[in-house]
């Protein structure tokens, strides 16, 4: 939980930093400043934001899969899960590519498109919303999610999740590109363990 909160706060702070850098690039007519700001934004995205986003998502998924909360038992957990997947998709397949294009545009003397500012702003806002959901835990169960949930996973599952975060960051540093290989393995292990436990646990009757 500590590591999930820490990486989520890091993700949000870096999304805001990305927004500030891109805003500075948009607001100036100085070509050198524009190139520096967009280049720093791209470096920030690759070196810090992407690893923090991967770590935040992985630890959150492990917490859902390895505890009784599950993914689709409570609306607030399901909402956080959906928001995380959308954020990862936009960050990896949309925002990163546009940042690279913005660096090329700045070198050519063209300002970054204003629409590029929307991505980091929405990302930070979505993480803030997820933080509120985690604290408030709005009541409400997903239909069909009232049965008995598997118990908490063994300690080694959580230890594995904690260990792979610095390991994946080290791998990304060496390769020069975010590569959450160990995180993906850990997610598969945690989700597979939950699926196996669900298949053998009896389903309790729904409360009246």
C-alpha atoms as a PDB file:
ATOM      1  CA  UNK A   1       0.000   0.000   0.000  1.00  0.00           C
ATOM      2  CA  UNK A   2       2.855   2.357   0.900  1.00  0.00           C
ATOM      3  CA  UNK A   3       4.600   1.715  -2.403  1.00  0.00           C
ATOM      4  CA  UNK A   4       1.343   2.143  -4.347  1.00  0.00           C
ATOM      5  CA  UNK A   5       0.668   5.522  -2.698  1.00  0.00           C
ATOM      6  CA  UNK A   6       4.286   6.644  -3.190  1.00  0.00           C
ATOM      7  CA  UNK A   7       4.378   5.788  -6.906  1.00  0.00           C
ATOM      8  CA  UNK A   8       0.909   7.246  -7.506  1.00  0.00           C
ATOM      9  CA  UNK A   9       1.954  10.564  -5.956  1.00  0.00           C
ATOM     10  CA  UNK A  10       5.116  10.466  -8.077  1.00  0.00           C
ATOM     11  CA  UNK A  11       3.051   9.805 -11.203  1.00  0.00           C
ATOM     12  CA  UNK A  12       0.767  12.757 -10.478  1.00  0.00           C
ATOM     13  CA  UNK A  13       3.640  15.127  -9.662  1.00  0.00           C
ATOM     14  CA  UNK A  14       5.422  14.227 -12.882  1.00  0.00           C
ATOM     15  CA  UNK A  15       2.238  14.677 -14.925  1.00  0.00           C
ATOM     16  CA  UNK A  16       1.954  18.184 -13.473  1.00  0.00           C
ATOM     17  CA  UNK A  17       5.641  18.816 -14.236  1.00  0.00           C
ATOM     18  CA  UNK A  18       5.006  17.694 -17.806  1.00  0.00           C
ATOM     19  CA  UNK A  19       2.132  20.168 -18.033  1.00  0.00           C
ATOM     20  CA  UNK A  20       4.345  23.010 -16.749  1.00  0.00           C
ATOM     21  CA  UNK A  21       7.134  22.253 -19.232  1.00  0.00           C
ATOM     22  CA  UNK A  22       4.741  22.054 -22.177  1.00  0.00           C
ATOM     23  CA  UNK A  23       3.023  25.257 -21.038  1.00  0.00           C
ATOM     24  CA  UNK A  24       6.400  27.009 -20.964  1.00  0.00           C
ATOM     25  CA  UNK A  25       7.116  25.768 -24.473  1.00  0.00           C
ATOM     26  CA  UNK A  26       3.739  27.007 -25.701  1.00  0.00           C
ATOM     27  CA  UNK A  27       4.057  30.424 -24.036  1.00  0.00           C
ATOM     28  CA  UNK A  28       7.477  31.434 -25.388  1.00  0.00           C
ATOM     29  CA  UNK A  29       8.658  32.699 -28.738  1.00  0.00           C
ATOM     30  CA  UNK A  30      12.246  31.815 -27.906  1.00  0.00           C
ATOM     31  CA  UNK A  31      13.160  28.831 -30.039  1.00  0.00           C
ATOM     32  CA  UNK A  32      15.957  27.698 -27.695  1.00  0.00           C
ATOM     33  CA  UNK A  33      13.605  27.714 -24.695  1.00  0.00           C
ATOM     34  CA  UNK A  34      10.967  25.861 -26.688  1.00  0.00           C
ATOM     35  CA  UNK A  35      13.434  23.154 -27.707  1.00  0.00           C
ATOM     36  CA  UNK A  36      14.748  22.835 -24.131  1.00  0.00           C
ATOM     37  CA  UNK A  37      11.275  22.634 -22.577  1.00  0.00           C
ATOM     38  CA  UNK A  38       9.913  20.035 -24.999  1.00  0.00           C
ATOM     39  CA  UNK A  39      13.110  17.980 -24.801  1.00  0.00           C
ATOM     40  CA  UNK A  40      12.941  18.013 -20.996  1.00  0.00           C
ATOM     41  CA  UNK A  41       9.275  16.998 -21.172  1.00  0.00           C
ATOM     42  CA  UNK A  42      10.113  14.014 -23.357  1.00  0.00           C
ATOM     43  CA  UNK A  43      13.012  12.995 -21.084  1.00  0.00           C
ATOM     44  CA  UNK A  44      10.795  13.346 -18.010  1.00  0.00           C
ATOM     45  CA  UNK A  45       8.158  11.154 -19.623  1.00  0.00           C
ATOM     46  CA  UNK A  46      10.621   8.382 -20.498  1.00  0.00           C
ATOM     47  CA  UNK A  47      12.906   8.490 -17.470  1.00  0.00           C
ATOM     48  CA  UNK A  48      10.487   9.170 -14.615  1.00  0.00           C
ATOM     49  CA  UNK A  49       6.801   9.373 -15.473  1.00  0.00           C
ATOM     50  CA  UNK A  50       6.570   6.087 -17.383  1.00  0.00           C
ATOM     51  CA  UNK A  51       8.327   3.998 -14.684  1.00  0.00           C
ATOM     52  CA  UNK A  52       6.211   5.625 -11.952  1.00  0.00           C
ATOM     53  CA  UNK A  53       3.032   5.013 -13.944  1.00  0.00           C
ATOM     54  CA  UNK A  54       3.960   1.370 -14.510  1.00  0.00           C
ATOM     55  CA  UNK A  55       4.840   0.883 -10.838  1.00  0.00           C
ATOM     56  CA  UNK A  56       1.651   2.590  -9.630  1.00  0.00           C
ATOM     57  CA  UNK A  57      -0.510   0.504 -11.944  1.00  0.00           C
ATOM     58  CA  UNK A  58       1.271  -2.755 -11.082  1.00  0.00           C
ATOM     59  CA  UNK A  59       1.087  -2.265  -7.312  1.00  0.00           C
ATOM     60  CA  UNK A  60      -2.574  -1.264  -7.556  1.00  0.00           C
ATOM     61  CA  UNK A  61      -3.424  -4.350  -9.606  1.00  0.00           C
ATOM     62  CA  UNK A  62      -1.531  -6.582  -7.170  1.00  0.00           C
ATOM     63  CA  UNK A  63      -3.404  -5.043  -4.234  1.00  0.00           C
ATOM     64  CA  UNK A  64      -6.714  -5.797  -5.925  1.00  0.00           C
ATOM     65  CA  UNK A  65      -5.723  -9.299  -7.024  1.00  0.00           C
ATOM     66  CA  UNK A  66      -3.975 -10.336  -3.805  1.00  0.00           C
ATOM     67  CA  UNK A  67      -6.536  -9.093  -1.278  1.00  0.00           C
ATOM     68  CA  UNK A  68     -10.252  -9.566  -0.695  1.00  0.00           C
ATOM     69  CA  UNK A  69     -11.049  -6.257  -2.448  1.00  0.00           C
ATOM     70  CA  UNK A  70     -10.831  -7.843  -5.894  1.00  0.00           C
ATOM     71  CA  UNK A  71     -11.340  -5.974  -9.161  1.00  0.00           C
ATOM     72  CA  UNK A  72     -15.102  -6.029  -9.693  1.00  0.00           C
ATOM     73  CA  UNK A  73     -16.635  -6.385  -6.233  1.00  0.00           C
ATOM     74  CA  UNK A  74     -16.856  -2.664  -5.405  1.00  0.00           C
ATOM     75  CA  UNK A  75     -17.660   0.145  -7.814  1.00  0.00           C
ATOM     76  CA  UNK A  76     -14.843   2.390  -6.575  1.00  0.00           C
ATOM     77  CA  UNK A  77     -12.212  -0.301  -7.154  1.00  0.00           C
ATOM     78  CA  UNK A  78     -13.617  -1.110 -10.599  1.00  0.00           C
ATOM     79  CA  UNK A  79     -13.577   2.608 -11.464  1.00  0.00           C
ATOM     80  CA  UNK A  80      -9.924   2.958 -10.387  1.00  0.00           C
ATOM     81  CA  UNK A  81      -9.004  -0.119 -12.426  1.00  0.00           C
ATOM     82  CA  UNK A  82     -10.717   1.244 -15.555  1.00  0.00           C
ATOM     83  CA  UNK A  83      -9.170   4.716 -15.157  1.00  0.00           C
ATOM     84  CA  UNK A  84      -5.704   3.177 -14.739  1.00  0.00           C
ATOM     85  CA  UNK A  85      -6.002   1.134 -17.930  1.00  0.00           C
ATOM     86  CA  UNK A  86      -7.202   4.193 -19.880  1.00  0.00           C
ATOM     87  CA  UNK A  87      -4.360   6.318 -18.511  1.00  0.00           C
ATOM     88  CA  UNK A  88      -1.745   3.722 -19.427  1.00  0.00           C
ATOM     89  CA  UNK A  89      -3.136   3.400 -22.950  1.00  0.00           C
ATOM     90  CA  UNK A  90      -3.208   7.167 -23.522  1.00  0.00           C
ATOM     91  CA  UNK A  91       0.212   7.667 -21.949  1.00  0.00           C
ATOM     92  CA  UNK A  92       1.935   4.895 -23.901  1.00  0.00           C
ATOM     93  CA  UNK A  93       0.215   5.031 -27.283  1.00  0.00           C
ATOM     94  CA  UNK A  94      -0.859   8.673 -27.561  1.00  0.00           C
ATOM     95  CA  UNK A  95       1.043  11.088 -25.315  1.00  0.00           C
ATOM     96  CA  UNK A  96       4.560   9.637 -25.710  1.00  0.00           C
ATOM     97  CA  UNK A  97       4.359   9.723 -29.497  1.00  0.00           C
ATOM     98  CA  UNK A  98       3.062  13.290 -29.504  1.00  0.00           C
ATOM     99  CA  UNK A  99       5.873  14.373 -27.168  1.00  0.00           C
ATOM    100  CA  UNK A 100       8.447  13.014 -29.604  1.00  0.00           C
ATOM    101  CA  UNK A 101       6.707  14.875 -32.429  1.00  0.00           C
ATOM    102  CA  UNK A 102       6.685  18.048 -30.320  1.00  0.00           C
ATOM    103  CA  UNK A 103      10.481  17.861 -29.913  1.00  0.00           C
ATOM    104  CA  UNK A 104      10.877  17.601 -33.695  1.00  0.00           C
ATOM    105  CA  UNK A 105       8.444  20.474 -34.183  1.00  0.00           C
ATOM    106  CA  UNK A 106      10.326  22.679 -31.710  1.00  0.00           C
ATOM    107  CA  UNK A 107      13.589  21.985 -33.536  1.00  0.00           C
ATOM    108  CA  UNK A 108      11.855  23.091 -36.734  1.00  0.00           C
ATOM    109  CA  UNK A 109      10.672  26.293 -35.066  1.00  0.00           C
ATOM    110  CA  UNK A 110       7.042  25.211 -34.641  1.00  0.00           C
ATOM    111  CA  UNK A 111       5.320  25.430 -31.223  1.00  0.00           C
ATOM    112  CA  UNK A 112       3.803  22.328 -29.656  1.00  0.00           C
ATOM    113  CA  UNK A 113       0.082  21.969 -30.380  1.00  0.00           C
ATOM    114  CA  UNK A 114      -2.053  23.340 -27.507  1.00  0.00           C
ATOM    115  CA  UNK A 115      -3.972  20.045 -27.452  1.00  0.00           C
ATOM    116  CA  UNK A 116      -0.815  18.367 -26.132  1.00  0.00           C
ATOM    117  CA  UNK A 117      -1.354  20.193 -22.826  1.00  0.00           C
ATOM    118  CA  UNK A 118      -4.647  18.402 -22.319  1.00  0.00           C
ATOM    119  CA  UNK A 119      -3.079  14.973 -21.840  1.00  0.00           C
ATOM    120  CA  UNK A 120      -0.918  15.704 -18.766  1.00  0.00           C
ATOM    121  CA  UNK A 121      -3.667  17.862 -17.219  1.00  0.00           C
ATOM    122  CA  UNK A 122      -6.253  15.087 -17.576  1.00  0.00           C
ATOM    123  CA  UNK A 123      -3.748  12.533 -16.292  1.00  0.00           C
ATOM    124  CA  UNK A 124      -3.096  14.528 -13.112  1.00  0.00           C
ATOM    125  CA  UNK A 125      -6.825  15.106 -12.624  1.00  0.00           C
ATOM    126  CA  UNK A 126      -7.580  11.409 -13.066  1.00  0.00           C
ATOM    127  CA  UNK A 127      -4.976  10.460 -10.449  1.00  0.00           C
ATOM    128  CA  UNK A 128      -6.488  13.017  -8.055  1.00  0.00           C
ATOM    129  CA  UNK A 129      -9.898  11.420  -8.640  1.00  0.00           C
ATOM    130  CA  UNK A 130      -8.460   7.973  -7.939  1.00  0.00           C
ATOM    131  CA  UNK A 131      -6.948   9.280  -4.705  1.00  0.00           C
ATOM    132  CA  UNK A 132     -10.371  10.563  -3.642  1.00  0.00           C
ATOM    133  CA  UNK A 133     -11.961   7.205  -4.471  1.00  0.00           C
ATOM    134  CA  UNK A 134      -9.330   5.430  -2.367  1.00  0.00           C
ATOM    135  CA  UNK A 135      -9.997   7.686   0.631  1.00  0.00           C
ATOM    136  CA  UNK A 136     -13.788   8.028   0.377  1.00  0.00           C
ATOM    137  CA  UNK A 137     -14.481   4.437  -0.771  1.00  0.00           C
ATOM    138  CA  UNK A 138     -18.018   5.255  -1.986  1.00  0.00           C
ATOM    139  CA  UNK A 139     -20.423   2.496  -1.066  1.00  0.00           C
ATOM    140  CA  UNK A 140     -21.884   0.210  -3.664  1.00  0.00           C
ATOM    141  CA  UNK A 141     -21.237  -3.304  -4.851  1.00  0.00           C
ATOM    142  CA  UNK A 142     -20.926  -4.392  -8.458  1.00  0.00           C
ATOM    143  CA  UNK A 143     -23.813  -6.745  -9.375  1.00  0.00           C
ATOM    144  CA  UNK A 144     -22.565 -10.298  -8.993  1.00  0.00           C
ATOM    145  CA  UNK A 145     -19.726  -9.188  -6.747  1.00  0.00           C
ATOM    146  CA  UNK A 146     -21.293 -10.182  -3.437  1.00  0.00           C
ATOM    147  CA  UNK A 147     -19.918 -13.695  -3.204  1.00  0.00           C
ATOM    148  CA  UNK A 148     -17.079 -14.736  -0.937  1.00  0.00           C
ATOM    149  CA  UNK A 149     -13.711 -13.420  -2.100  1.00  0.00           C
ATOM    150  CA  UNK A 150     -10.415 -15.278  -1.890  1.00  0.00           C
ATOM    151  CA  UNK A 151      -8.371 -14.396   1.171  1.00  0.00           C
ATOM    152  CA  UNK A 152      -5.218 -12.323   1.257  1.00  0.00           C
ATOM    153  CA  UNK A 153      -2.292 -13.727  -0.718  1.00  0.00           C
ATOM    154  CA  UNK A 154       0.886 -14.983   0.983  1.00  0.00           C
ATOM    155  CA  UNK A 155       3.485 -12.421   2.019  1.00  0.00           C
ATOM    156  CA  UNK A 156       5.812 -13.402  -0.837  1.00  0.00           C
ATOM    157  CA  UNK A 157       3.340 -12.008  -3.396  1.00  0.00           C
ATOM    158  CA  UNK A 158       3.579  -8.532  -1.857  1.00  0.00           C
ATOM    159  CA  UNK A 159       7.337  -8.844  -1.373  1.00  0.00           C
ATOM    160  CA  UNK A 160       7.671  -9.722  -5.053  1.00  0.00           C
ATOM    161  CA  UNK A 161       5.631  -6.669  -6.048  1.00  0.00           C
ATOM    162  CA  UNK A 162       7.867  -4.415  -3.942  1.00  0.00           C
ATOM    163  CA  UNK A 163      11.071  -5.942  -5.292  1.00  0.00           C
ATOM    164  CA  UNK A 164      10.224  -5.614  -8.987  1.00  0.00           C
ATOM    165  CA  UNK A 165       9.681  -1.834  -8.842  1.00  0.00           C
ATOM    166  CA  UNK A 166      13.373  -0.901  -8.367  1.00  0.00           C
ATOM    167  CA  UNK A 167      14.357  -3.828 -10.597  1.00  0.00           C
ATOM    168  CA  UNK A 168      12.212  -2.579 -13.500  1.00  0.00           C
ATOM    169  CA  UNK A 169      13.454   0.989 -12.996  1.00  0.00           C
ATOM    170  CA  UNK A 170      17.037  -0.304 -13.147  1.00  0.00           C
ATOM    171  CA  UNK A 171      16.261  -2.235 -16.341  1.00  0.00           C
ATOM    172  CA  UNK A 172      14.646   0.863 -17.869  1.00  0.00           C
ATOM    173  CA  UNK A 173      17.701   2.939 -16.947  1.00  0.00           C
ATOM    174  CA  UNK A 174      20.062   0.482 -18.612  1.00  0.00           C
ATOM    175  CA  UNK A 175      17.920   0.072 -21.741  1.00  0.00           C
ATOM    176  CA  UNK A 176      16.997   3.762 -21.947  1.00  0.00           C
ATOM    177  CA  UNK A 177      13.332   2.926 -22.391  1.00  0.00           C
ATOM    178  CA  UNK A 178      10.529   1.951 -19.972  1.00  0.00           C
ATOM    179  CA  UNK A 179      10.299  -1.831 -19.960  1.00  0.00           C
ATOM    180  CA  UNK A 180       7.997  -3.170 -17.196  1.00  0.00           C
ATOM    181  CA  UNK A 181       8.834  -6.818 -17.879  1.00  0.00           C
ATOM    182  CA  UNK A 182       9.045  -7.972 -14.250  1.00  0.00           C
ATOM    183  CA  UNK A 183       5.938  -5.956 -13.363  1.00  0.00           C
ATOM    184  CA  UNK A 184       3.947  -7.796 -16.020  1.00  0.00           C
ATOM    185  CA  UNK A 185       5.152 -11.140 -14.679  1.00  0.00           C
ATOM    186  CA  UNK A 186       4.123 -10.127 -11.143  1.00  0.00           C
ATOM    187  CA  UNK A 187       0.660  -9.053 -12.321  1.00  0.00           C
ATOM    188  CA  UNK A 188       0.194 -12.380 -14.133  1.00  0.00           C
ATOM    189  CA  UNK A 189       1.240 -14.272 -10.978  1.00  0.00           C
ATOM    190  CA  UNK A 190      -1.104 -12.277  -8.731  1.00  0.00           C
ATOM    191  CA  UNK A 191      -4.085 -12.470 -11.086  1.00  0.00           C
ATOM    192  CA  UNK A 192      -3.459 -16.160 -11.762  1.00  0.00           C
ATOM    193  CA  UNK A 193      -3.329 -16.877  -8.046  1.00  0.00           C
ATOM    194  CA  UNK A 194      -6.635 -15.053  -7.536  1.00  0.00           C
ATOM    195  CA  UNK A 195      -8.275 -16.958 -10.401  1.00  0.00           C
ATOM    196  CA  UNK A 196      -7.081 -20.260  -8.936  1.00  0.00           C
ATOM    197  CA  UNK A 197      -8.317 -19.324  -5.463  1.00  0.00           C
ATOM    198  CA  UNK A 198     -11.701 -18.213  -6.814  1.00  0.00           C
ATOM    199  CA  UNK A 199     -12.187 -21.543  -8.558  1.00  0.00           C
ATOM    200  CA  UNK A 200     -11.918 -23.485  -5.316  1.00  0.00           C
ATOM    201  CA  UNK A 201     -13.452 -21.116  -2.766  1.00  0.00           C
ATOM    202  CA  UNK A 202     -17.135 -21.634  -2.025  1.00  0.00           C
ATOM    203  CA  UNK A 203     -19.446 -18.765  -2.872  1.00  0.00           C
ATOM    204  CA  UNK A 204     -21.279 -17.367   0.125  1.00  0.00           C
ATOM    205  CA  UNK A 205     -24.966 -16.412  -0.210  1.00  0.00           C
ATOM    206  CA  UNK A 206     -25.608 -12.772  -0.908  1.00  0.00           C
ATOM    207  CA  UNK A 207     -26.612 -10.735   2.153  1.00  0.00           C
ATOM    208  CA  UNK A 208     -30.236  -9.707   2.423  1.00  0.00           C
END
